Amino acid sequence: QVQLVESGGGLVQPGGSLRLSCAASGSIFNFNSMGWYRQAPGKERELVAGVTRGGSTNYGDSVKGRFTISRDSGKNTVYLEMNSLKPEDTAVYYCNAENRISRVVSWGQGIQVTVSS
């Protein structure tokens, strides 16, 4: 069973920055893709950013130009660099990964990001 552990969340002022980390229990190249999703109270979970095994990235429209997804294969970790944060970015952020062989999607436990003055 894959384990994904998020870290780096917290409270930040509007316009500030945070970096989230997602550490996987095995090689990130075991996954077809890894990504970040978020869910705000009363809203559906939405894609924030994703990266494929080949390195292609995609972003949700609301975060394009502000957020960057990256990975460190040596640390089995995927990052989400979040800049110019807005109050509407407040949500629980989840890391996920799709297994390359089984296609099973695993989720982290989620981490709170709050943007408020």
C-alpha atoms as a PDB file:
ATOM      1  CA  GLN A   1       0.000   0.000   0.000  1.00  0.00           C
ATOM      2  CA  VAL A   2       1.424   3.333  -1.046  1.00  0.00           C
ATOM      3  CA  GLN A   3       1.713   5.999   1.596  1.00  0.00           C
ATOM      4  CA  LEU A   4       1.673   9.676   0.720  1.00  0.00           C
ATOM      5  CA  VAL A   5       2.475  12.165   3.456  1.00  0.00           C
ATOM      6  CA  GLU A   6       1.842  15.878   2.951  1.00  0.00           C
ATOM      7  CA  SER A   7       3.596  18.632   4.860  1.00  0.00           C
ATOM      8  CA  GLY A   8       4.161  22.373   4.676  1.00  0.00           C
ATOM      9  CA  GLY A   9       0.669  23.746   5.109  1.00  0.00           C
ATOM     10  CA  GLY A  10      -0.397  26.447   7.507  1.00  0.00           C
ATOM     11  CA  LEU A  11      -1.603  30.023   7.783  1.00  0.00           C
ATOM     12  CA  VAL A  12      -0.278  32.665   5.404  1.00  0.00           C
ATOM     13  CA  GLN A  13      -1.285  36.229   4.574  1.00  0.00           C
ATOM     14  CA  PRO A  14      -2.718  37.154   1.178  1.00  0.00           C
ATOM     15  CA  GLY A  15       0.089  37.609  -1.322  1.00  0.00           C
ATOM     16  CA  GLY A  16       2.332  35.247   0.573  1.00  0.00           C
ATOM     17  CA  SER A  17       3.886  31.931  -0.384  1.00  0.00           C
ATOM     18  CA  LEU A  18       3.944  28.352   0.856  1.00  0.00           C
ATOM     19  CA  ARG A  19       5.550  25.153  -0.365  1.00  0.00           C
ATOM     20  CA  LEU A  20       3.762  21.871   0.129  1.00  0.00           C
ATOM     21  CA  SER A  21       5.605  18.567   0.050  1.00  0.00           C
ATOM     22  CA  CYS A  22       4.264  15.088  -0.648  1.00  0.00           C
ATOM     23  CA  ALA A  23       6.601  12.269   0.318  1.00  0.00           C
ATOM     24  CA  ALA A  24       5.852   8.872  -1.225  1.00  0.00           C
ATOM     25  CA  SER A  25       6.740   5.550   0.403  1.00  0.00           C
ATOM     26  CA  GLY A  26       8.333   4.303  -2.814  1.00  0.00           C
ATOM     27  CA  SER A  27       9.861   5.590  -6.013  1.00  0.00           C
ATOM     28  CA  ILE A  28       7.776   8.266  -7.688  1.00  0.00           C
ATOM     29  CA  PHE A  29       8.512   6.536 -10.994  1.00  0.00           C
ATOM     30  CA  ASN A  30       6.168   3.768  -9.843  1.00  0.00           C
ATOM     31  CA  PHE A  31       3.351   6.180 -10.620  1.00  0.00           C
ATOM     32  CA  ASN A  32       1.793   7.216 -13.920  1.00  0.00           C
ATOM     33  CA  SER A  33       1.126  10.602 -12.406  1.00  0.00           C
ATOM     34  CA  MET A  34       1.117  12.505  -9.166  1.00  0.00           C
ATOM     35  CA  GLY A  35      -0.871  15.537  -8.337  1.00  0.00           C
ATOM     36  CA  TRP A  36      -2.336  17.977  -5.903  1.00  0.00           C
ATOM     37  CA  TYR A  37      -6.046  18.492  -5.356  1.00  0.00           C
ATOM     38  CA  ARG A  38      -7.848  20.760  -2.945  1.00  0.00           C
ATOM     39  CA  GLN A  39     -11.233  20.929  -1.327  1.00  0.00           C
ATOM     40  CA  ALA A  40     -12.724  24.006   0.277  1.00  0.00           C
ATOM     41  CA  PRO A  41     -15.698  23.792   2.657  1.00  0.00           C
ATOM     42  CA  GLY A  42     -18.896  23.188   0.722  1.00  0.00           C
ATOM     43  CA  LYS A  43     -17.086  22.733  -2.579  1.00  0.00           C
ATOM     44  CA  GLU A  44     -16.070  19.818  -4.775  1.00  0.00           C
ATOM     45  CA  ARG A  45     -12.508  18.552  -4.737  1.00  0.00           C
ATOM     46  CA  GLU A  46     -10.640  20.118  -7.658  1.00  0.00           C
ATOM     47  CA  LEU A  47      -7.383  19.558  -9.456  1.00  0.00           C
ATOM     48  CA  VAL A  48      -4.668  22.031  -8.559  1.00  0.00           C
ATOM     49  CA  ALA A  49      -1.673  20.616 -10.422  1.00  0.00           C
ATOM     50  CA  GLY A  50      -0.390  17.339 -11.795  1.00  0.00           C
ATOM     51  CA  VAL A  51       2.832  15.877 -13.153  1.00  0.00           C
ATOM     52  CA  THR A  52       3.147  12.753 -15.264  1.00  0.00           C
ATOM     53  CA  ARG A  53       5.860  10.130 -15.077  1.00  0.00           C
ATOM     54  CA  GLY A  54       7.364  11.721 -18.164  1.00  0.00           C
ATOM     55  CA  GLY A  55       7.453  15.141 -16.548  1.00  0.00           C
ATOM     56  CA  SER A  56       4.514  16.853 -18.244  1.00  0.00           C
ATOM     57  CA  THR A  57       2.586  19.206 -15.994  1.00  0.00           C
ATOM     58  CA  ASN A  58      -0.925  20.617 -15.939  1.00  0.00           C
ATOM     59  CA  TYR A  59      -2.657  23.143 -13.714  1.00  0.00           C
ATOM     60  CA  GLY A  60      -6.117  24.210 -12.709  1.00  0.00           C
ATOM     61  CA  ASP A  61      -7.144  27.482 -14.335  1.00  0.00           C
ATOM     62  CA  SER A  62      -7.372  29.318 -11.026  1.00  0.00           C
ATOM     63  CA  VAL A  63      -3.729  28.657 -10.125  1.00  0.00           C
ATOM     64  CA  LYS A  64      -1.966  28.974 -13.475  1.00  0.00           C
ATOM     65  CA  GLY A  65       0.951  31.368 -13.254  1.00  0.00           C
ATOM     66  CA  ARG A  66       0.958  31.294  -9.434  1.00  0.00           C
ATOM     67  CA  PHE A  67       1.564  27.647  -8.505  1.00  0.00           C
ATOM     68  CA  THR A  68       4.319  25.320  -9.679  1.00  0.00           C
ATOM     69  CA  ILE A  69       4.507  21.554  -9.279  1.00  0.00           C
ATOM     70  CA  SER A  70       7.898  19.885  -9.224  1.00  0.00           C
ATOM     71  CA  ARG A  71       9.483  16.637  -8.077  1.00  0.00           C
ATOM     72  CA  ASP A  72      12.678  15.281  -6.590  1.00  0.00           C
ATOM     73  CA  SER A  73      13.081  11.634  -7.555  1.00  0.00           C
ATOM     74  CA  GLY A  74      15.973  11.208  -5.137  1.00  0.00           C
ATOM     75  CA  LYS A  75      13.684  12.095  -2.252  1.00  0.00           C
ATOM     76  CA  ASN A  76      10.545  10.447  -3.709  1.00  0.00           C
ATOM     77  CA  THR A  77       8.823  13.780  -3.165  1.00  0.00           C
ATOM     78  CA  VAL A  78       6.545  16.039  -5.160  1.00  0.00           C
ATOM     79  CA  TYR A  79       6.281  19.711  -4.298  1.00  0.00           C
ATOM     80  CA  LEU A  80       3.708  22.424  -4.825  1.00  0.00           C
ATOM     81  CA  GLU A  81       5.134  25.925  -4.743  1.00  0.00           C
ATOM     82  CA  MET A  82       2.310  28.384  -4.130  1.00  0.00           C
ATOM     83  CA  ASN A  83       2.873  32.097  -4.696  1.00  0.00           C
ATOM     84  CA  SER A  84       0.617  35.155  -4.651  1.00  0.00           C
ATOM     85  CA  LEU A  85      -1.798  33.285  -2.444  1.00  0.00           C
ATOM     86  CA  LYS A  86      -5.384  34.484  -2.229  1.00  0.00           C
ATOM     87  CA  PRO A  87      -8.077  33.881   0.385  1.00  0.00           C
ATOM     88  CA  GLU A  88      -9.871  31.689  -2.145  1.00  0.00           C
ATOM     89  CA  ASP A  89      -6.888  29.318  -2.115  1.00  0.00           C
ATOM     90  CA  THR A  90      -7.916  28.345   1.406  1.00  0.00           C
ATOM     91  CA  ALA A  91      -8.651  24.620   1.401  1.00  0.00           C
ATOM     92  CA  VAL A  92      -7.457  21.210   2.455  1.00  0.00           C
ATOM     93  CA  TYR A  93      -4.817  20.139  -0.054  1.00  0.00           C
ATOM     94  CA  TYR A  94      -4.414  16.487  -0.953  1.00  0.00           C
ATOM     95  CA  CYS A  95      -1.622  14.684  -2.735  1.00  0.00           C
ATOM     96  CA  ASN A  96      -2.500  11.761  -4.976  1.00  0.00           C
ATOM     97  CA  ALA A  97      -0.711   9.237  -7.135  1.00  0.00           C
ATOM     98  CA  GLU A  98      -1.804   6.672  -9.713  1.00  0.00           C
ATOM     99  CA  ASN A  99       0.116   3.388  -9.631  1.00  0.00           C
ATOM    100  CA  ARG A 100       1.734   2.640 -12.976  1.00  0.00           C
ATOM    101  CA  ILE A 101       0.809  -1.066 -12.972  1.00  0.00           C
ATOM    102  CA  SER A 102      -2.426  -1.382 -11.001  1.00  0.00           C
ATOM    103  CA  ARG A 103      -3.846   2.088 -11.856  1.00  0.00           C
ATOM    104  CA  VAL A 104      -4.912   2.322  -8.212  1.00  0.00           C
ATOM    105  CA  VAL A 105      -5.080   5.915  -7.031  1.00  0.00           C
ATOM    106  CA  SER A 106      -3.755   6.622  -3.557  1.00  0.00           C
ATOM    107  CA  TRP A 107      -4.406   9.754  -1.495  1.00  0.00           C
ATOM    108  CA  GLY A 108      -2.608  11.488   1.293  1.00  0.00           C
ATOM    109  CA  GLN A 109      -4.379  12.503   4.486  1.00  0.00           C
ATOM    110  CA  GLY A 110      -4.676  16.141   3.442  1.00  0.00           C
ATOM    111  CA  ILE A 111      -3.169  19.299   4.837  1.00  0.00           C
ATOM    112  CA  GLN A 112      -4.819  22.613   5.652  1.00  0.00           C
ATOM    113  CA  VAL A 113      -3.802  25.810   3.881  1.00  0.00           C
ATOM    114  CA  THR A 114      -5.409  28.994   5.151  1.00  0.00           C
ATOM    115  CA  VAL A 115      -4.885  32.361   3.460  1.00  0.00           C
ATOM    116  CA  SER A 116      -6.056  35.144   5.703  1.00  0.00           C
ATOM    117  CA  SER A 117      -4.961  38.459   7.107  1.00  0.00           C
END
